[in-house]
Amino acid sequence: MGWAKRRVCLRRQGGPCATTLHRMPASSSRLRQCLQVFAVLQWVFSFLGLAQVCLAVLLLLLLGPAWMLAVLYLVWLYRDRDTPQTGGRRSAWVRNWAIWRHFRDYFPISLVKTAELDPCHNYLFGFHPHGVLVIGAFSNFCTEATGFSRIFPGLCPHLLMLPCWFHLPFFRDYIMCSGLVSSDKASAAYLLSRPGGGQVAVVAVGGPLESLEAKPGALSLRIRNQKGFVKLALEYGASLVPVFSFGENELFQQFPNPPGSWVRRAQETLQRLLSVALPLFHGRLGLLLPFRTPIHTVVGAPIPVQKSPRPSRAQVDTLHALYVERLTRLFEEHKARYGIPAEQHLVLT
C-alpha cells in the first residue's frame, strides 16, 4: 500500500494522522499560555519580591562560611556605586531572553512608531500613564521583545527608576542588565549629554503617585506641575518625545481610594516616607496576575529643543505647554484605534 493510500486509510479509521492533527494545536496553545503566565508571574515577583530575597541572600552569606565572598562583593559594590548614574550596565543577552517574548504575548504588547527619530540626537521620552507597574515601559524599553532596536535603529533606551532600588545588593545588578538606571538628575544628565547622540532617557512623568490613579477606564495624568523633565531637556538640548501607552491602566483593579479618603491619605504619607507608592491592587482571580489586556505604546513625533544651560521659568513653561499639547494630540489621534470612546479625553492634574 502506497504512502498516500495509508494516509487516507488512517484518516478513515480515525487513526493517529487525524488525531495528531487535532491534538497538537490544542496542546501547543496550552503550553504557550502556561509559558506566558509563568513569564508574567516571574516578572511581578521580580518587581515586588526579588529585592527582599537578594537582601536576605546577602545577609545569609555574611553570617555563613562564605562571608568572605559577601565582603568582597560589598567592596566591589562600593567601587561600582556610580554605575546606575552613568548609563548602567546593559546586557544585550538579557534583553533578548526568550521569556520576554512570552511576557509580551501574554497581553499582548506592541510598540507603535509615528515618526522617524534621528540617532544623531539624544531624546527624553515622557511615558504616560505610569500604570500600576509600568509594564508597557518595561517591555518596550527594557527588552527587545517588541523590537525597539529594529524600529528605532541607532537608539539606546534607558528606563529611569527610583534611586532607592539601586542600593539593594544583587538586585541592582540584575535590573541594570535590562537598561534600567537611576532617576536622579545626574543620571539623566549623563545620558542626555552624551556626544554623538543615540541615547534615550525614558521617564514616567507622573511618578509613583500617578500609580494610585491607575484603574480601568482612568485617563488621569499628573503633569500640570511636573516640569523638571522639561527643564532637563532644555539644559541639554534633548528632543522631547511624548509617549502614550494605551491599555496601561486596564491591567489591575485597585481598592477604592478617592482623593481625601483615609486610604489615599495613608498611601500619600507612605509615599513621602518611602519614596515608593503602595497601590492596593489585584488582578485575575484575585491574584497579582494582570488582566490579559492589549497594551499599545505609541511613540509620538519629537519636539526639537534649543539648548539653554540656564533656562528661565518662562522657557520651561512655554515648552511644557507645547509638550502637553503634543501629548494630548497624540492621544486624540490614536484613541479611536485602541478602543477609547470619542467623548473621553485626558484629565490633566
Protein backbone atom coordinates (compact mmCIF):
# COMPACT_ATOMS: atom_id res chain seq x y z
CA MET A 1 0.00 0.00 0.00
CA GLY A 2 1.44 3.39 -1.01
CA TRP A 3 2.02 6.29 1.40
CA ALA A 4 -0.93 8.29 0.04
CA LYS A 5 -3.28 5.30 0.45
CA ARG A 6 -2.08 4.68 4.03
CA ARG A 7 -2.84 8.30 4.98
CA VAL A 8 -6.37 8.01 3.57
CA CYS A 9 -6.89 4.73 5.43
CA LEU A 10 -5.69 6.18 8.72
CA ARG A 11 -7.98 9.18 8.37
CA ARG A 12 -10.99 6.95 7.67
CA GLN A 13 -10.19 4.79 10.68
CA GLY A 14 -9.71 7.81 12.94
CA GLY A 15 -6.06 6.81 13.23
CA PRO A 16 -3.05 8.78 14.53
CA CYS A 17 -2.88 11.04 11.49
CA ALA A 18 -6.24 12.66 12.21
CA THR A 19 -5.85 12.53 15.99
CA THR A 20 -2.45 14.20 15.94
CA LEU A 21 -3.69 16.99 13.70
CA HIS A 22 -6.41 17.81 16.24
CA ARG A 23 -4.40 17.37 19.42
CA MET A 24 -1.15 19.13 18.58
CA PRO A 25 -2.54 22.68 18.14
CA ALA A 26 -4.51 22.49 21.42
CA SER A 27 -1.51 21.12 23.31
CA SER A 28 0.79 23.73 21.80
CA SER A 29 -1.66 26.52 22.68
CA ARG A 30 -1.87 25.38 26.32
CA LEU A 31 1.92 25.26 26.55
CA ARG A 32 2.21 28.80 25.17
CA GLN A 33 -0.35 30.06 27.67
CA CYS A 34 1.48 28.40 30.56
CA LEU A 35 4.77 29.95 29.43
CA GLN A 36 3.12 33.35 29.17
CA VAL A 37 1.65 33.11 32.67
CA PHE A 38 4.99 31.98 34.08
CA ALA A 39 6.80 34.85 32.33
CA VAL A 40 4.43 37.41 33.83
CA LEU A 41 4.45 35.90 37.31
CA GLN A 42 8.25 35.82 37.46
CA TRP A 43 8.34 39.47 36.40
CA VAL A 44 5.77 40.50 39.01
CA PHE A 45 7.83 38.63 41.61
CA SER A 46 10.98 40.40 40.40
CA PHE A 47 9.22 43.74 40.77
CA LEU A 48 7.68 43.09 44.19
CA GLY A 49 9.79 40.48 45.97
CA LEU A 50 13.17 39.84 44.36
CA ALA A 51 14.86 42.78 46.07
CA GLN A 52 13.98 41.40 49.52
CA VAL A 53 15.20 37.93 48.53
CA CYS A 54 18.52 39.37 47.31
CA LEU A 55 18.98 41.25 50.58
CA ALA A 56 18.25 38.07 52.56
CA VAL A 57 20.79 36.12 50.47
CA LEU A 58 23.48 38.69 51.24
CA LEU A 59 22.75 38.51 54.98
CA LEU A 60 22.92 34.70 54.90
CA LEU A 61 26.25 34.86 53.10
CA LEU A 62 27.62 37.29 55.67
CA LEU A 63 26.55 35.02 58.52
CA GLY A 64 27.74 31.78 56.90
CA PRO A 65 31.03 30.20 55.85
CA ALA A 66 31.01 32.20 52.58
CA TRP A 67 31.19 35.52 54.41
CA MET A 68 34.40 36.47 52.62
CA LEU A 69 32.63 36.35 49.25
CA ALA A 70 29.96 38.66 50.62
CA VAL A 71 32.59 41.08 51.91
CA LEU A 72 34.37 41.10 48.54
CA TYR A 73 31.05 41.79 46.81
CA LEU A 74 30.34 44.71 49.18
CA VAL A 75 33.78 46.17 48.45
CA TRP A 76 33.10 45.86 44.72
CA LEU A 77 29.62 47.31 45.24
CA TYR A 78 31.12 50.40 46.87
CA ARG A 79 33.51 50.90 43.96
CA ASP A 80 30.65 50.37 41.50
CA ARG A 81 28.24 52.73 43.28
CA ASP A 82 28.20 55.33 40.49
CA THR A 83 27.29 52.95 37.67
CA PRO A 84 23.49 53.48 37.96
CA GLN A 85 24.13 57.22 37.44
CA THR A 86 26.49 56.72 34.47
CA GLY A 87 24.44 54.76 31.97
CA GLY A 88 24.17 51.49 33.89
CA ARG A 89 25.42 48.17 32.58
CA ARG A 90 23.14 46.89 29.80
CA SER A 91 23.26 43.29 28.60
CA ALA A 92 22.01 42.53 25.08
CA TRP A 93 21.80 38.87 26.11
CA VAL A 94 19.40 39.59 29.00
CA ARG A 95 17.31 41.98 26.89
CA ASN A 96 16.85 39.25 24.27
CA TRP A 97 15.81 36.43 26.62
CA ALA A 98 13.00 34.31 25.15
CA ILE A 99 10.98 34.77 28.34
CA TRP A 100 10.37 38.42 27.43
CA ARG A 101 8.62 37.34 24.21
CA HIS A 102 6.25 35.19 26.26
CA PHE A 103 5.79 38.17 28.59
CA ARG A 104 4.88 40.34 25.57
CA ASP A 105 2.45 37.79 24.15
CA TYR A 106 0.51 37.42 27.42
CA PHE A 107 -1.20 40.81 26.98
CA PRO A 108 -0.03 41.29 24.11
CA ILE A 109 2.19 44.41 23.96
CA SER A 110 3.11 46.37 20.84
CA LEU A 111 5.35 49.36 20.12
CA VAL A 112 3.95 51.86 17.60
CA LYS A 113 6.19 54.29 15.71
CA THR A 114 4.66 57.51 14.36
CA ALA A 115 7.78 59.42 13.28
CA GLU A 116 11.45 58.91 12.49
CA LEU A 117 13.98 59.62 15.24
CA ASP A 118 17.44 60.69 14.12
CA PRO A 119 20.06 58.60 16.01
CA CYS A 120 22.41 61.59 15.90
CA HIS A 121 20.36 63.24 18.66
CA ASN A 122 19.60 62.40 22.28
CA TYR A 123 15.98 62.11 23.40
CA LEU A 124 13.90 62.35 26.52
CA PHE A 125 10.80 60.14 26.27
CA GLY A 126 7.89 61.13 28.52
CA PHE A 127 5.95 57.94 29.28
CA HIS A 128 2.21 58.16 30.13
CA PRO A 129 0.37 56.87 32.08
CA HIS A 130 2.50 55.35 34.83
CA GLY A 131 0.10 52.46 35.44
CA VAL A 132 0.46 50.25 38.49
CA LEU A 133 3.73 48.55 37.48
CA VAL A 134 4.79 50.43 34.27
CA ILE A 135 4.51 47.16 32.37
CA GLY A 136 4.42 48.78 28.93
CA ALA A 137 7.54 50.81 29.61
CA PHE A 138 9.46 47.76 30.81
CA SER A 139 8.51 45.52 27.88
CA ASN A 140 9.18 48.15 25.22
CA PHE A 141 12.29 49.84 26.59
CA CYS A 142 13.97 47.23 28.84
CA THR A 143 13.67 44.25 26.50
CA GLU A 144 13.81 43.63 22.77
CA ALA A 145 10.52 41.70 22.79
CA THR A 146 8.71 44.42 20.82
CA GLY A 147 11.72 45.20 18.63
CA PHE A 148 12.82 48.62 19.85
CA SER A 149 16.28 48.38 18.23
CA ARG A 150 14.70 47.30 14.93
CA ILE A 151 12.01 50.01 14.97
CA PHE A 152 14.38 52.76 16.14
CA PRO A 153 17.82 51.75 14.86
CA GLY A 154 20.78 53.50 16.45
CA LEU A 155 18.92 54.44 19.65
CA CYS A 156 19.73 53.04 23.10
CA PRO A 157 16.83 53.30 25.60
CA HIS A 158 17.25 53.61 29.38
CA LEU A 159 14.23 53.50 31.68
CA LEU A 160 14.70 55.70 34.75
CA MET A 161 13.82 54.08 38.09
CA LEU A 162 13.76 55.40 41.66
CA PRO A 163 17.33 55.63 43.09
CA CYS A 164 16.44 53.59 46.20
CA TRP A 165 16.30 50.36 44.16
CA PHE A 166 19.95 50.71 43.18
CA HIS A 167 21.12 50.46 46.79
CA LEU A 168 19.93 46.86 47.04
CA PRO A 169 22.67 44.24 46.50
CA PHE A 170 22.42 41.82 43.57
CA PHE A 171 19.00 43.23 42.62
CA ARG A 172 20.56 46.44 41.28
CA ASP A 173 22.95 44.42 39.11
CA TYR A 174 20.08 42.41 37.66
CA ILE A 175 17.86 45.37 36.77
CA MET A 176 20.74 47.29 35.20
CA CYS A 177 21.16 44.43 32.71
CA SER A 178 17.83 45.45 31.14
CA GLY A 179 18.82 49.10 30.79
CA LEU A 180 17.30 50.47 33.99
CA VAL A 181 19.18 53.40 35.52
CA SER A 182 18.67 55.74 38.45
CA SER A 183 16.11 58.52 38.02
CA ASP A 184 18.12 61.19 39.81
CA LYS A 185 19.11 64.27 37.82
CA ALA A 186 22.78 63.28 37.48
CA SER A 187 21.80 60.03 35.80
CA ALA A 188 19.51 61.66 33.23
CA ALA A 189 22.07 64.43 32.64
CA TYR A 190 24.75 61.84 31.91
CA LEU A 191 22.61 60.23 29.20
CA LEU A 192 21.38 63.44 27.60
CA SER A 193 24.86 64.97 27.46
CA ARG A 194 26.48 62.05 25.59
CA PRO A 195 28.26 63.26 22.44
CA GLY A 196 27.22 61.65 19.19
CA GLY A 197 23.59 61.15 20.24
CA GLY A 198 21.67 57.89 20.22
CA GLN A 199 20.74 57.95 23.92
CA VAL A 200 17.12 57.80 25.11
CA ALA A 201 16.14 58.57 28.70
CA VAL A 202 12.62 57.27 29.41
CA VAL A 203 10.85 58.83 32.37
CA ALA A 204 7.39 58.02 33.73
CA VAL A 205 6.39 61.67 34.12
CA GLY A 206 3.50 61.11 36.55
CA GLY A 207 5.79 59.43 39.05
CA PRO A 208 4.79 56.92 41.75
CA LEU A 209 1.76 58.94 42.87
CA GLU A 210 0.14 58.52 39.46
CA SER A 211 0.04 54.77 40.05
CA LEU A 212 -2.63 55.43 42.70
CA GLU A 213 -4.93 56.59 39.87
CA ALA A 214 -4.21 53.59 37.62
CA LYS A 215 -7.63 51.96 37.33
CA PRO A 216 -9.59 50.59 34.37
CA GLY A 217 -11.07 53.44 32.38
CA ALA A 218 -8.98 56.11 34.15
CA LEU A 219 -7.34 58.77 31.95
CA SER A 220 -5.92 60.99 34.69
CA LEU A 221 -2.34 62.21 34.24
CA ARG A 222 -0.23 64.05 36.84
CA ILE A 223 1.52 66.53 34.56
CA ARG A 224 0.48 70.12 35.29
CA ASN A 225 3.24 70.63 37.88
CA GLN A 226 5.68 68.05 36.50
CA LYS A 227 8.18 70.36 34.81
CA GLY A 228 11.55 69.00 35.91
CA PHE A 229 11.88 66.78 32.83
CA VAL A 230 11.18 69.79 30.57
CA LYS A 231 13.87 71.85 32.30
CA LEU A 232 16.30 68.96 31.89
CA ALA A 233 15.58 68.75 28.16
CA LEU A 234 16.28 72.48 27.83
CA GLU A 235 19.54 72.29 29.78
CA TYR A 236 20.95 69.63 27.43
CA GLY A 237 19.10 70.36 24.21
CA ALA A 238 17.48 66.91 24.14
CA SER A 239 14.38 66.48 21.98
CA LEU A 240 11.20 65.72 23.94
CA VAL A 241 9.09 62.80 22.76
CA PRO A 242 5.58 62.19 24.17
CA VAL A 243 4.68 58.50 24.60
CA PHE A 244 1.21 57.23 25.43
CA SER A 245 0.63 53.61 26.40
CA PHE A 246 -2.98 52.64 25.65
CA GLY A 247 -4.20 49.87 27.95
CA GLU A 248 -1.68 50.55 30.71
CA ASN A 249 -4.37 51.40 33.28
CA GLU A 250 -6.55 48.38 32.40
CA LEU A 251 -4.26 45.71 33.87
CA PHE A 252 -5.28 45.78 37.55
CA GLN A 253 -8.18 46.72 39.80
CA GLN A 254 -7.50 48.85 42.87
CA PHE A 255 -9.10 49.12 46.28
CA PRO A 256 -11.25 52.32 46.29
CA ASN A 257 -9.01 55.25 47.25
CA PRO A 258 -10.68 58.52 46.19
CA PRO A 259 -8.77 61.74 46.97
CA GLY A 260 -9.31 62.73 50.60
CA SER A 261 -10.15 59.22 51.80
CA TRP A 262 -8.18 57.67 54.65
CA VAL A 263 -6.75 55.12 52.24
CA ARG A 264 -5.40 57.80 49.91
CA ARG A 265 -4.03 59.87 52.80
CA ALA A 266 -2.20 56.81 54.15
CA GLN A 267 -0.80 55.99 50.69
CA GLU A 268 0.43 59.54 50.15
CA THR A 269 2.03 59.64 53.60
CA LEU A 270 3.84 56.35 52.98
CA GLN A 271 4.96 57.60 49.57
CA ARG A 272 6.58 60.64 51.19
CA LEU A 273 8.34 58.43 53.74
CA LEU A 274 9.39 55.53 51.48
CA SER A 275 9.64 57.30 48.08
CA VAL A 276 7.57 54.48 46.55
CA ALA A 277 3.79 54.36 46.18
CA LEU A 278 1.82 51.42 47.54
CA PRO A 279 -1.31 50.90 45.42
CA LEU A 280 -3.65 48.22 46.78
CA PHE A 281 -4.23 46.29 43.58
CA HIS A 282 -5.25 42.87 42.37
CA GLY A 283 -5.59 41.15 39.01
CA ARG A 284 -7.02 37.91 37.67
CA LEU A 285 -8.62 35.53 40.15
CA GLY A 286 -7.87 38.00 42.94
CA LEU A 287 -4.13 37.50 42.45
CA LEU A 288 -1.27 39.68 41.25
CA LEU A 289 -1.60 38.28 37.74
CA PRO A 290 -2.62 41.20 35.48
CA PHE A 291 -5.64 41.01 33.22
CA ARG A 292 -4.99 39.99 29.62
CA THR A 293 -5.47 43.42 28.06
CA PRO A 294 -3.60 44.60 24.94
CA ILE A 295 -1.08 47.38 25.51
CA HIS A 296 -0.24 49.65 22.57
CA THR A 297 2.64 52.02 23.35
CA VAL A 298 2.57 54.87 20.82
CA VAL A 299 5.74 56.92 20.40
CA GLY A 300 5.00 60.44 19.15
CA ALA A 301 6.97 62.82 16.99
CA PRO A 302 9.97 64.56 18.60
CA ILE A 303 9.79 68.15 19.79
CA PRO A 304 13.12 69.86 18.92
CA VAL A 305 14.60 71.71 21.90
CA GLN A 306 17.14 74.51 21.72
CA LYS A 307 19.85 74.04 24.33
CA SER A 308 19.69 76.54 27.18
CA PRO A 309 22.04 75.70 30.09
CA ARG A 310 20.11 78.01 32.43
CA PRO A 311 16.53 78.12 31.19
CA SER A 312 14.19 80.76 32.53
CA ARG A 313 10.86 79.91 34.08
CA ALA A 314 9.13 81.33 31.00
CA GLN A 315 11.10 79.00 28.74
CA VAL A 316 10.20 76.00 30.87
CA ASP A 317 6.51 76.96 30.97
CA THR A 318 6.37 77.51 27.20
CA LEU A 319 7.99 74.20 26.37
CA HIS A 320 5.86 72.39 28.97
CA ALA A 321 2.68 73.80 27.40
CA LEU A 322 3.85 72.67 23.95
CA TYR A 323 4.62 69.19 25.29
CA VAL A 324 1.17 68.88 26.88
CA GLU A 325 -0.42 70.00 23.62
CA ARG A 326 1.53 67.39 21.60
CA LEU A 327 0.75 64.65 24.12
CA THR A 328 -2.95 65.49 24.03
CA ARG A 329 -2.91 65.49 20.22
CA LEU A 330 -1.13 62.12 20.18
CA PHE A 331 -3.82 60.67 22.44
CA GLU A 332 -6.72 62.14 20.46
CA GLU A 333 -5.33 60.97 17.11
CA HIS A 334 -4.97 57.34 18.22
CA LYS A 335 -7.66 56.76 20.87
CA ALA A 336 -10.35 55.52 18.47
CA ARG A 337 -7.99 52.88 17.09
CA TYR A 338 -7.41 51.47 20.57
CA GLY A 339 -10.98 51.44 21.85
CA ILE A 340 -11.28 54.79 23.66
CA PRO A 341 -14.74 56.37 23.11
CA ALA A 342 -14.76 59.72 21.29
CA GLU A 343 -16.30 61.51 24.30
CA GLN A 344 -13.44 60.51 26.61
CA HIS A 345 -10.47 62.85 26.98
CA LEU A 346 -7.34 63.14 29.09
CA VAL A 347 -7.74 64.60 32.58
CA LEU A 348 -4.62 66.62 33.43
CA THR A 349 -4.00 67.18 37.14
